[in-house]
Amino acid sequence: RVKHGMEAELSKEMAHYESLKIPGFVSTTVYRMDRDPNELYMAVAFTD
């Protein structure tokens, strides 16, 4: 649950992850719920 009005800041912070070379990292997907824009689900995948 993101603080009201902080989604852009959260997204900016998470964008830094793209430049990191974390061993085994595959992907991150973030969903914003229609019923509540402050409710997020994040799916993160690693090779193992």
All heavy atoms as atom14 arrays in JSON, in Angstrom:
{
  "sequence": "RVKHGMEAELSKEMAHYESLKIPGFVSTTVYRMDRDPNELYMAVAFTD",
  "atom14_mask": [
    [1, 1, 1, 1, 1, 1, 1, 1, 1, 1, 1, 0, 0, 0],
    [1, 1, 1, 1, 1, 1, 1, 0, 0, 0, 0, 0, 0, 0],
    [1, 1, 1, 1, 1, 1, 1, 1, 1, 0, 0, 0, 0, 0],
    [1, 1, 1, 1, 1, 1, 1, 1, 1, 1, 0, 0, 0, 0],
    [1, 1, 1, 1, 0, 0, 0, 0, 0, 0, 0, 0, 0, 0],
    [1, 1, 1, 1, 1, 1, 1, 1, 0, 0, 0, 0, 0, 0],
    [1, 1, 1, 1, 1, 1, 1, 1, 1, 0, 0, 0, 0, 0],
    [1, 1, 1, 1, 1, 0, 0, 0, 0, 0, 0, 0, 0, 0],
    [1, 1, 1, 1, 1, 1, 1, 1, 1, 0, 0, 0, 0, 0],
    [1, 1, 1, 1, 1, 1, 1, 1, 0, 0, 0, 0, 0, 0],
    [1, 1, 1, 1, 1, 1, 0, 0, 0, 0, 0, 0, 0, 0],
    [1, 1, 1, 1, 1, 1, 1, 1, 1, 0, 0, 0, 0, 0],
    [1, 1, 1, 1, 1, 1, 1, 1, 1, 0, 0, 0, 0, 0],
    [1, 1, 1, 1, 1, 1, 1, 1, 0, 0, 0, 0, 0, 0],
    [1, 1, 1, 1, 1, 0, 0, 0, 0, 0, 0, 0, 0, 0],
    [1, 1, 1, 1, 1, 1, 1, 1, 1, 1, 0, 0, 0, 0],
    [1, 1, 1, 1, 1, 1, 1, 1, 1, 1, 1, 1, 0, 0],
    [1, 1, 1, 1, 1, 1, 1, 1, 1, 0, 0, 0, 0, 0],
    [1, 1, 1, 1, 1, 1, 0, 0, 0, 0, 0, 0, 0, 0],
    [1, 1, 1, 1, 1, 1, 1, 1, 0, 0, 0, 0, 0, 0],
    [1, 1, 1, 1, 1, 1, 1, 1, 1, 0, 0, 0, 0, 0],
    [1, 1, 1, 1, 1, 1, 1, 1, 0, 0, 0, 0, 0, 0],
    [1, 1, 1, 1, 1, 1, 1, 0, 0, 0, 0, 0, 0, 0],
    [1, 1, 1, 1, 0, 0, 0, 0, 0, 0, 0, 0, 0, 0],
    [1, 1, 1, 1, 1, 1, 1, 1, 1, 1, 1, 0, 0, 0],
    [1, 1, 1, 1, 1, 1, 1, 0, 0, 0, 0, 0, 0, 0],
    [1, 1, 1, 1, 1, 1, 0, 0, 0, 0, 0, 0, 0, 0],
    [1, 1, 1, 1, 1, 1, 1, 0, 0, 0, 0, 0, 0, 0],
    [1, 1, 1, 1, 1, 1, 1, 0, 0, 0, 0, 0, 0, 0],
    [1, 1, 1, 1, 1, 1, 1, 0, 0, 0, 0, 0, 0, 0],
    [1, 1, 1, 1, 1, 1, 1, 1, 1, 1, 1, 1, 0, 0],
    [1, 1, 1, 1, 1, 1, 1, 1, 1, 1, 1, 0, 0, 0],
    [1, 1, 1, 1, 1, 1, 1, 1, 0, 0, 0, 0, 0, 0],
    [1, 1, 1, 1, 1, 1, 1, 1, 0, 0, 0, 0, 0, 0],
    [1, 1, 1, 1, 1, 1, 1, 1, 1, 1, 1, 0, 0, 0],
    [1, 1, 1, 1, 1, 1, 1, 1, 0, 0, 0, 0, 0, 0],
    [1, 1, 1, 1, 1, 1, 1, 0, 0, 0, 0, 0, 0, 0],
    [1, 1, 1, 1, 1, 1, 1, 1, 0, 0, 0, 0, 0, 0],
    [1, 1, 1, 1, 1, 1, 1, 1, 1, 0, 0, 0, 0, 0],
    [1, 1, 1, 1, 1, 1, 1, 1, 0, 0, 0, 0, 0, 0],
    [1, 1, 1, 1, 1, 1, 1, 1, 1, 1, 1, 1, 0, 0],
    [1, 1, 1, 1, 1, 1, 1, 1, 0, 0, 0, 0, 0, 0],
    [1, 1, 1, 1, 1, 0, 0, 0, 0, 0, 0, 0, 0, 0],
    [1, 1, 1, 1, 1, 1, 1, 0, 0, 0, 0, 0, 0, 0],
    [1, 1, 1, 1, 1, 0, 0, 0, 0, 0, 0, 0, 0, 0],
    [1, 1, 1, 1, 1, 1, 1, 1, 1, 1, 1, 0, 0, 0],
    [1, 1, 1, 1, 1, 1, 1, 0, 0, 0, 0, 0, 0, 0],
    [1, 1, 1, 1, 1, 1, 1, 1, 0, 0, 0, 0, 0, 0]
  ],
  "atom14_positions": [
    [[0.87, -1.17, 0.0], [0.0, 0.0, 0.0], [0.91, 1.22, 0.0], [1.64, 1.47, 0.96], [-0.92, 0.01, 1.21], [-1.88, 1.18, 1.22], [-3.05, 0.96, 2.14], [-3.84, -0.21, 1.82], [-4.71, -0.29, 0.8], [-4.88, 0.72, -0.01], [-5.39, -1.4, 0.6], [0.0, 0.0, 0.0], [0.0, 0.0, 0.0], [0.0, 0.0, 0.0]],
    [[0.88, 1.96, -1.1], [1.72, 3.14, -1.24], [1.04, 4.33, -0.55], [-0.19, 4.42, -0.52], [2.01, 3.44, -2.74], [0.76, 3.85, -3.48], [3.09, 4.49, -2.9], [0.0, 0.0, 0.0], [0.0, 0.0, 0.0], [0.0, 0.0, 0.0], [0.0, 0.0, 0.0], [0.0, 0.0, 0.0], [0.0, 0.0, 0.0], [0.0, 0.0, 0.0]],
    [[1.85, 5.2, 0.05], [1.31, 6.41, 0.66], [0.66, 7.27, -0.42], [1.15, 7.32, -1.56], [2.41, 7.21, 1.34], [2.98, 6.55, 2.58], [4.11, 7.38, 3.16], [4.73, 6.71, 4.37], [5.93, 7.45, 4.84], [0.0, 0.0, 0.0], [0.0, 0.0, 0.0], [0.0, 0.0, 0.0], [0.0, 0.0, 0.0], [0.0, 0.0, 0.0]],
    [[-0.43, 7.92, -0.06], [-1.15, 8.77, -1.01], [-0.2, 9.8, -1.63], [0.54, 10.47, -0.92], [-2.32, 9.48, -0.32], [-3.12, 10.32, -1.25], [-3.98, 9.77, -2.19], [-3.16, 11.65, -1.43], [-4.53, 10.74, -2.88], [-4.06, 11.89, -2.44], [0.0, 0.0, 0.0], [0.0, 0.0, 0.0], [0.0, 0.0, 0.0], [0.0, 0.0, 0.0]],
    [[-0.2, 9.86, -2.96], [0.61, 10.83, -3.68], [2.08, 10.46, -3.84], [2.86, 11.26, -4.36], [0.0, 0.0, 0.0], [0.0, 0.0, 0.0], [0.0, 0.0, 0.0], [0.0, 0.0, 0.0], [0.0, 0.0, 0.0], [0.0, 0.0, 0.0], [0.0, 0.0, 0.0], [0.0, 0.0, 0.0], [0.0, 0.0, 0.0], [0.0, 0.0, 0.0]],
    [[2.47, 9.26, -3.41], [3.89, 8.87, -3.45], [4.21, 7.82, -4.51], [5.34, 7.34, -4.57], [4.31, 8.35, -2.06], [4.17, 9.38, -0.95], [5.15, 10.87, -1.24], [6.78, 10.29, -0.93], [0.0, 0.0, 0.0], [0.0, 0.0, 0.0], [0.0, 0.0, 0.0], [0.0, 0.0, 0.0], [0.0, 0.0, 0.0], [0.0, 0.0, 0.0]],
    [[3.24, 7.48, -5.36], [3.49, 6.44, -6.35], [4.63, 6.81, -7.3], [5.47, 5.98, -7.63], [2.23, 6.13, -7.15], [2.44, 4.98, -8.12], [1.23, 4.68, -8.96], [0.1, 5.02, -8.58], [1.43, 4.08, -10.04], [0.0, 0.0, 0.0], [0.0, 0.0, 0.0], [0.0, 0.0, 0.0], [0.0, 0.0, 0.0], [0.0, 0.0, 0.0]],
    [[4.67, 8.06, -7.74], [5.73, 8.48, -8.68], [7.1, 8.37, -8.02], [8.07, 7.95, -8.66], [5.48, 9.91, -9.16], [0.0, 0.0, 0.0], [0.0, 0.0, 0.0], [0.0, 0.0, 0.0], [0.0, 0.0, 0.0], [0.0, 0.0, 0.0], [0.0, 0.0, 0.0], [0.0, 0.0, 0.0], [0.0, 0.0, 0.0], [0.0, 0.0, 0.0]],
    [[7.18, 8.73, -6.74], [8.45, 8.63, -6.02], [8.87, 7.17, -5.85], [10.04, 6.83, -5.99], [8.36, 9.32, -4.66], [8.2, 10.82, -4.76], [9.36, 11.51, -5.45], [10.52, 11.12, -5.23], [9.1, 12.44, -6.23], [0.0, 0.0, 0.0], [0.0, 0.0, 0.0], [0.0, 0.0, 0.0], [0.0, 0.0, 0.0], [0.0, 0.0, 0.0]],
    [[7.9, 6.32, -5.54], [8.18, 4.9, -5.41], [8.67, 4.34, -6.74], [9.66, 3.61, -6.81], [6.94, 4.14, -4.95], [7.05, 2.62, -4.88], [8.12, 2.19, -3.88], [5.71, 1.99, -4.54], [0.0, 0.0, 0.0], [0.0, 0.0, 0.0], [0.0, 0.0, 0.0], [0.0, 0.0, 0.0], [0.0, 0.0, 0.0], [0.0, 0.0, 0.0]],
    [[8.0, 4.71, -7.82], [8.38, 4.24, -9.15], [9.79, 4.7, -9.51], [10.58, 3.93, -10.07], [7.37, 4.76, -10.17], [7.69, 4.29, -11.45], [0.0, 0.0, 0.0], [0.0, 0.0, 0.0], [0.0, 0.0, 0.0], [0.0, 0.0, 0.0], [0.0, 0.0, 0.0], [0.0, 0.0, 0.0], [0.0, 0.0, 0.0], [0.0, 0.0, 0.0]],
    [[10.11, 5.93, -9.17], [11.44, 6.46, -9.45], [12.5, 5.68, -8.68], [13.55, 5.34, -9.22], [11.48, 7.94, -9.06], [12.77, 8.63, -9.47], [12.95, 9.96, -8.82], [12.43, 11.18, -9.16], [12.75, 12.4, -8.54], [0.0, 0.0, 0.0], [0.0, 0.0, 0.0], [0.0, 0.0, 0.0], [0.0, 0.0, 0.0], [0.0, 0.0, 0.0]],
    [[12.21, 5.39, -7.41], [13.15, 4.62, -6.6], [13.33, 3.21, -7.17], [14.45, 2.71, -7.26], [12.65, 4.55, -5.15], [13.58, 3.83, -4.21], [14.93, 4.52, -4.06], [15.0, 5.77, -4.05], [15.94, 3.79, -3.95], [0.0, 0.0, 0.0], [0.0, 0.0, 0.0], [0.0, 0.0, 0.0], [0.0, 0.0, 0.0], [0.0, 0.0, 0.0]],
    [[12.24, 2.58, -7.58], [12.32, 1.23, -8.12], [13.02, 1.19, -9.47], [13.6, 0.17, -9.84], [10.93, 0.62, -8.18], [10.36, 0.35, -6.79], [8.68, -0.29, -6.81], [8.96, -1.89, -7.54], [0.0, 0.0, 0.0], [0.0, 0.0, 0.0], [0.0, 0.0, 0.0], [0.0, 0.0, 0.0], [0.0, 0.0, 0.0], [0.0, 0.0, 0.0]],
    [[12.99, 2.28, -10.22], [13.64, 2.33, -11.53], [15.15, 2.13, -11.41], [15.79, 1.65, -12.35], [13.33, 3.64, -12.23], [0.0, 0.0, 0.0], [0.0, 0.0, 0.0], [0.0, 0.0, 0.0], [0.0, 0.0, 0.0], [0.0, 0.0, 0.0], [0.0, 0.0, 0.0], [0.0, 0.0, 0.0], [0.0, 0.0, 0.0], [0.0, 0.0, 0.0]],
    [[15.71, 2.45, -10.27], [17.15, 2.25, -10.07], [17.54, 0.77, -10.13], [18.67, 0.44, -10.44], [17.59, 2.83, -8.72], [17.52, 4.31, -8.66], [16.71, 5.0, -7.8], [18.16, 5.27, -9.38], [16.85, 6.28, -7.97], [17.72, 6.48, -8.94], [0.0, 0.0, 0.0], [0.0, 0.0, 0.0], [0.0, 0.0, 0.0], [0.0, 0.0, 0.0]],
    [[16.59, -0.09, -9.83], [16.87, -1.53, -9.83], [17.27, -2.02, -11.22], [18.01, -2.98, -11.35], [15.64, -2.31, -9.35], [15.44, -2.32, -7.85], [15.36, -1.14, -7.13], [15.32, -3.5, -7.16], [15.18, -1.14, -5.76], [15.12, -3.53, -5.79], [15.05, -2.33, -5.09], [14.87, -2.33, -3.74], [0.0, 0.0, 0.0], [0.0, 0.0, 0.0]],
    [[16.77, -1.35, -12.26], [17.07, -1.78, -13.63], [18.57, -1.74, -13.94], [19.06, -2.53, -14.72], [16.32, -0.91, -14.64], [14.83, -1.12, -14.62], [14.11, -0.25, -15.64], [14.71, 0.13, -16.66], [12.93, 0.04, -15.41], [0.0, 0.0, 0.0], [0.0, 0.0, 0.0], [0.0, 0.0, 0.0], [0.0, 0.0, 0.0], [0.0, 0.0, 0.0]],
    [[19.29, -0.81, -13.31], [20.72, -0.66, -13.61], [21.59, -1.6, -12.77], [22.78, -1.73, -13.03], [21.15, 0.78, -13.37], [21.01, 1.12, -12.0], [0.0, 0.0, 0.0], [0.0, 0.0, 0.0], [0.0, 0.0, 0.0], [0.0, 0.0, 0.0], [0.0, 0.0, 0.0], [0.0, 0.0, 0.0], [0.0, 0.0, 0.0], [0.0, 0.0, 0.0]],
    [[21.0, -2.26, -11.79], [21.77, -3.16, -10.94], [21.96, -4.52, -11.62], [21.12, -4.97, -12.37], [21.05, -3.36, -9.6], [20.77, -2.1, -8.81], [19.93, -2.44, -7.59], [22.06, -1.4, -8.41], [0.0, 0.0, 0.0], [0.0, 0.0, 0.0], [0.0, 0.0, 0.0], [0.0, 0.0, 0.0], [0.0, 0.0, 0.0], [0.0, 0.0, 0.0]],
    [[23.05, -5.13, -11.33], [23.34, -6.46, -11.88], [23.22, -7.48, -10.74], [24.2, -8.0, -10.24], [24.74, -6.5, -12.49], [24.97, -5.48, -13.57], [24.09, -5.73, -14.76], [24.4, -4.74, -15.88], [23.28, -4.32, -16.63], [0.0, 0.0, 0.0], [0.0, 0.0, 0.0], [0.0, 0.0, 0.0], [0.0, 0.0, 0.0], [0.0, 0.0, 0.0]],
    [[21.98, -7.73, -10.3], [21.74, -8.64, -9.2], [21.77, -10.07, -9.75], [20.98, -10.4, -10.64], [20.39, -8.34, -8.53], [20.41, -6.91, -7.95], [20.09, -9.36, -7.45], [19.07, -6.42, -7.46], [0.0, 0.0, 0.0], [0.0, 0.0, 0.0], [0.0, 0.0, 0.0], [0.0, 0.0, 0.0], [0.0, 0.0, 0.0], [0.0, 0.0, 0.0]],
    [[22.68, -10.91, -9.26], [22.77, -12.28, -9.77], [21.44, -13.03, -9.66], [20.81, -13.05, -8.61], [23.83, -12.92, -8.87], [24.66, -11.76, -8.4], [23.68, -10.63, -8.23], [0.0, 0.0, 0.0], [0.0, 0.0, 0.0], [0.0, 0.0, 0.0], [0.0, 0.0, 0.0], [0.0, 0.0, 0.0], [0.0, 0.0, 0.0], [0.0, 0.0, 0.0]],
    [[21.02, -13.61, -10.76], [19.82, -14.42, -10.8], [18.53, -13.65, -11.02], [17.49, -14.25, -11.24], [0.0, 0.0, 0.0], [0.0, 0.0, 0.0], [0.0, 0.0, 0.0], [0.0, 0.0, 0.0], [0.0, 0.0, 0.0], [0.0, 0.0, 0.0], [0.0, 0.0, 0.0], [0.0, 0.0, 0.0], [0.0, 0.0, 0.0], [0.0, 0.0, 0.0]],
    [[18.58, -12.32, -10.96], [17.36, -11.52, -11.14], [16.83, -11.68, -12.56], [17.57, -11.63, -13.52], [17.64, -10.04, -10.86], [16.48, -9.14, -11.18], [15.38, -9.09, -10.36], [16.49, -8.36, -12.33], [14.29, -8.28, -10.66], [15.43, -7.54, -12.64], [14.32, -7.5, -11.81], [0.0, 0.0, 0.0], [0.0, 0.0, 0.0], [0.0, 0.0, 0.0]],
    [[15.5, -11.89, -12.69], [14.86, -12.04, -14.0], [13.95, -10.86, -14.31], [14.08, -10.24, -15.35], [14.06, -13.37, -14.07], [13.29, -13.47, -15.37], [14.98, -14.56, -13.88], [0.0, 0.0, 0.0], [0.0, 0.0, 0.0], [0.0, 0.0, 0.0], [0.0, 0.0, 0.0], [0.0, 0.0, 0.0], [0.0, 0.0, 0.0], [0.0, 0.0, 0.0]],
    [[13.0, -10.55, -13.4], [12.04, -9.49, -13.73], [11.29, -9.0, -12.49], [11.24, -9.69, -11.48], [11.01, -10.0, -14.74], [10.2, -11.01, -14.15], [0.0, 0.0, 0.0], [0.0, 0.0, 0.0], [0.0, 0.0, 0.0], [0.0, 0.0, 0.0], [0.0, 0.0, 0.0], [0.0, 0.0, 0.0], [0.0, 0.0, 0.0], [0.0, 0.0, 0.0]],
    [[10.73, -7.82, -12.64], [9.79, -7.26, -11.66], [8.6, -6.73, -12.43], [8.77, -6.05, -13.46], [10.42, -6.1, -10.87], [11.53, -6.58, -10.12], [9.42, -5.46, -9.91], [0.0, 0.0, 0.0], [0.0, 0.0, 0.0], [0.0, 0.0, 0.0], [0.0, 0.0, 0.0], [0.0, 0.0, 0.0], [0.0, 0.0, 0.0], [0.0, 0.0, 0.0]],
    [[7.4, -7.02, -11.96], [6.16, -6.5, -12.54], [5.34, -5.93, -11.4], [5.16, -6.6, -10.37], [5.37, -7.62, -13.25], [6.21, -8.22, -14.23], [4.12, -7.07, -13.91], [0.0, 0.0, 0.0], [0.0, 0.0, 0.0], [0.0, 0.0, 0.0], [0.0, 0.0, 0.0], [0.0, 0.0, 0.0], [0.0, 0.0, 0.0], [0.0, 0.0, 0.0]],
    [[4.87, -4.69, -11.57], [4.06, -4.04, -10.53], [2.67, -3.77, -11.1], [2.54, -3.24, -12.19], [4.7, -2.73, -10.05], [3.85, -2.07, -8.97], [6.12, -2.98, -9.52], [0.0, 0.0, 0.0], [0.0, 0.0, 0.0], [0.0, 0.0, 0.0], [0.0, 0.0, 0.0], [0.0, 0.0, 0.0], [0.0, 0.0, 0.0], [0.0, 0.0, 0.0]],
    [[1.66, -4.13, -10.32], [0.26, -3.92, -10.7], [-0.35, -2.88, -9.78], [-0.16, -2.94, -8.56], [-0.56, -5.21, -10.53], [-0.1, -6.37, -11.36], [0.96, -7.16, -10.95], [-0.75, -6.68, -12.55], [1.37, -8.24, -11.72], [-0.35, -7.76, -13.31], [0.72, -8.53, -12.9], [1.13, -9.6, -13.64], [0.0, 0.0, 0.0], [0.0, 0.0, 0.0]],
    [[-1.11, -1.94, -10.33], [-1.92, -1.0, -9.55], [-3.36, -1.47, -9.65], [-3.87, -1.68, -10.74], [-1.81, 0.42, -10.09], [-2.65, 1.4, -9.27], [-2.68, 2.82, -9.81], [-1.46, 3.26, -10.42], [-1.34, 3.6, -11.72], [-2.38, 3.56, -12.53], [-0.2, 4.01, -12.21], [0.0, 0.0, 0.0], [0.0, 0.0, 0.0], [0.0, 0.0, 0.0]],
    [[-4.03, -1.62, -8.52], [-5.38, -2.15, -8.5], [-6.4, -1.09, -8.92], [-6.31, 0.07, -8.53], [-5.75, -2.66, -7.1], [-4.87, -3.81, -6.61], [-5.01, -5.3, -7.64], [-3.6, -5.16, -8.74], [0.0, 0.0, 0.0], [0.0, 0.0, 0.0], [0.0, 0.0, 0.0], [0.0, 0.0, 0.0], [0.0, 0.0, 0.0], [0.0, 0.0, 0.0]],
    [[-7.36, -1.51, -9.76], [-8.44, -0.62, -10.21], [-9.26, -0.1, -9.03], [-9.65, 1.05, -9.0], [-9.38, -1.34, -11.18], [-8.75, -1.57, -12.54], [-7.74, -0.92, -12.88], [-9.28, -2.44, -13.27], [0.0, 0.0, 0.0], [0.0, 0.0, 0.0], [0.0, 0.0, 0.0], [0.0, 0.0, 0.0], [0.0, 0.0, 0.0], [0.0, 0.0, 0.0]],
    [[-9.5, -0.98, -8.06], [-10.39, -0.62, -6.95], [-9.75, 0.39, -6.0], [-10.46, 1.06, -5.25], [-10.82, -1.87, -6.19], [-9.69, -2.55, -5.45], [-10.16, -3.79, -4.68], [-9.01, -4.52, -4.2], [-8.52, -5.62, -4.74], [-9.09, -6.15, -5.79], [-7.47, -6.21, -4.23], [0.0, 0.0, 0.0], [0.0, 0.0, 0.0], [0.0, 0.0, 0.0]],
    [[-8.41, 0.46, -5.98], [-7.71, 1.37, -5.07], [-6.33, 1.65, -5.67], [-5.45, 0.79, -5.64], [-7.58, 0.74, -3.69], [-6.85, 1.61, -2.7], [-6.3, 2.67, -3.07], [-6.83, 1.24, -1.51], [0.0, 0.0, 0.0], [0.0, 0.0, 0.0], [0.0, 0.0, 0.0], [0.0, 0.0, 0.0], [0.0, 0.0, 0.0], [0.0, 0.0, 0.0]],
    [[-6.12, 2.85, -6.2], [-4.84, 3.15, -6.85], [-3.63, 3.15, -5.91], [-2.49, 3.14, -6.37], [-5.06, 4.54, -7.47], [-6.21, 5.12, -6.73], [-7.05, 3.97, -6.27], [0.0, 0.0, 0.0], [0.0, 0.0, 0.0], [0.0, 0.0, 0.0], [0.0, 0.0, 0.0], [0.0, 0.0, 0.0], [0.0, 0.0, 0.0], [0.0, 0.0, 0.0]],
    [[-3.86, 3.14, -4.6], [-2.76, 3.06, -3.64], [-2.4, 1.62, -3.28], [-1.45, 1.39, -2.55], [-3.1, 3.85, -2.36], [-3.2, 5.33, -2.63], [-2.42, 5.89, -3.4], [-4.17, 5.98, -2.02], [0.0, 0.0, 0.0], [0.0, 0.0, 0.0], [0.0, 0.0, 0.0], [0.0, 0.0, 0.0], [0.0, 0.0, 0.0], [0.0, 0.0, 0.0]],
    [[-3.16, 0.67, -3.81], [-2.9, -0.75, -3.56], [-2.12, -1.33, -4.74], [-2.55, -1.24, -5.89], [-4.22, -1.5, -3.38], [-4.04, -2.96, -3.06], [-5.37, -3.68, -2.87], [-6.42, -3.13, -3.24], [-5.34, -4.8, -2.36], [0.0, 0.0, 0.0], [0.0, 0.0, 0.0], [0.0, 0.0, 0.0], [0.0, 0.0, 0.0], [0.0, 0.0, 0.0]],
    [[-0.95, -1.89, -4.44], [-0.07, -2.44, -5.47], [0.26, -3.89, -5.17], [0.31, -4.3, -4.0], [1.25, -1.65, -5.53], [1.18, -0.15, -5.69], [2.58, 0.45, -5.61], [0.51, 0.22, -7.0], [0.0, 0.0, 0.0], [0.0, 0.0, 0.0], [0.0, 0.0, 0.0], [0.0, 0.0, 0.0], [0.0, 0.0, 0.0], [0.0, 0.0, 0.0]],
    [[0.48, -4.65, -6.23], [1.05, -5.99, -6.13], [2.31, -5.99, -6.97], [2.31, -5.49, -8.11], [0.07, -7.06, -6.64], [-1.04, -7.35, -5.68], [-2.2, -6.58, -5.66], [-0.93, -8.4, -4.77], [-3.22, -6.84, -4.76], [-1.96, -8.68, -3.88], [-3.09, -7.89, -3.88], [-4.09, -8.16, -2.99], [0.0, 0.0, 0.0], [0.0, 0.0, 0.0]],
    [[3.37, -6.55, -6.43], [4.64, -6.61, -7.14], [5.07, -8.07, -7.23], [5.15, -8.76, -6.22], [5.7, -5.8, -6.4], [7.08, -5.87, -7.03], [8.3, -4.82, -6.2], [8.43, -5.63, -4.6], [0.0, 0.0, 0.0], [0.0, 0.0, 0.0], [0.0, 0.0, 0.0], [0.0, 0.0, 0.0], [0.0, 0.0, 0.0], [0.0, 0.0, 0.0]],
    [[5.33, -8.53, -8.44], [5.83, -9.89, -8.66], [7.29, -9.8, -9.1], [7.62, -9.08, -10.04], [5.0, -10.59, -9.74], [0.0, 0.0, 0.0], [0.0, 0.0, 0.0], [0.0, 0.0, 0.0], [0.0, 0.0, 0.0], [0.0, 0.0, 0.0], [0.0, 0.0, 0.0], [0.0, 0.0, 0.0], [0.0, 0.0, 0.0], [0.0, 0.0, 0.0]],
    [[8.16, -10.51, -8.38], [9.59, -10.49, -8.66], [10.04, -11.92, -8.95], [9.68, -12.84, -8.21], [10.38, -9.92, -7.46], [11.87, -9.88, -7.77], [9.87, -8.53, -7.09], [0.0, 0.0, 0.0], [0.0, 0.0, 0.0], [0.0, 0.0, 0.0], [0.0, 0.0, 0.0], [0.0, 0.0, 0.0], [0.0, 0.0, 0.0], [0.0, 0.0, 0.0]],
    [[10.82, -12.09, -10.0], [11.29, -13.43, -10.38], [12.81, -13.49, -10.4], [13.48, -12.56, -10.85], [10.74, -13.8, -11.76], [0.0, 0.0, 0.0], [0.0, 0.0, 0.0], [0.0, 0.0, 0.0], [0.0, 0.0, 0.0], [0.0, 0.0, 0.0], [0.0, 0.0, 0.0], [0.0, 0.0, 0.0], [0.0, 0.0, 0.0], [0.0, 0.0, 0.0]],
    [[13.32, -14.63, -9.93], [14.74, -14.95, -9.97], [14.9, -16.3, -10.65], [13.95, -17.1, -10.71], [15.32, -15.01, -8.55], [15.68, -13.67, -7.98], [14.7, -12.84, -7.49], [16.99, -13.23, -7.96], [15.01, -11.59, -6.97], [17.32, -11.99, -7.45], [16.33, -11.16, -6.95], [0.0, 0.0, 0.0], [0.0, 0.0, 0.0], [0.0, 0.0, 0.0]],
    [[16.09, -16.58, -11.11], [16.33, -17.85, -11.81], [16.15, -19.05, -10.89], [15.75, -20.12, -11.35], [17.76, -17.9, -12.41], [18.7, -17.63, -11.37], [17.92, -16.91, -13.55], [0.0, 0.0, 0.0], [0.0, 0.0, 0.0], [0.0, 0.0, 0.0], [0.0, 0.0, 0.0], [0.0, 0.0, 0.0], [0.0, 0.0, 0.0], [0.0, 0.0, 0.0]],
    [[16.44, -18.88, -9.59], [16.33, -19.99, -8.66], [16.2, -19.46, -7.23], [16.43, -18.29, -6.96], [17.53, -20.92, -8.78], [18.85, -20.19, -8.63], [19.07, -19.55, -7.58], [19.66, -20.23, -9.58], [0.0, 0.0, 0.0], [0.0, 0.0, 0.0], [0.0, 0.0, 0.0], [0.0, 0.0, 0.0], [0.0, 0.0, 0.0], [0.0, 0.0, 0.0]]
  ]
}
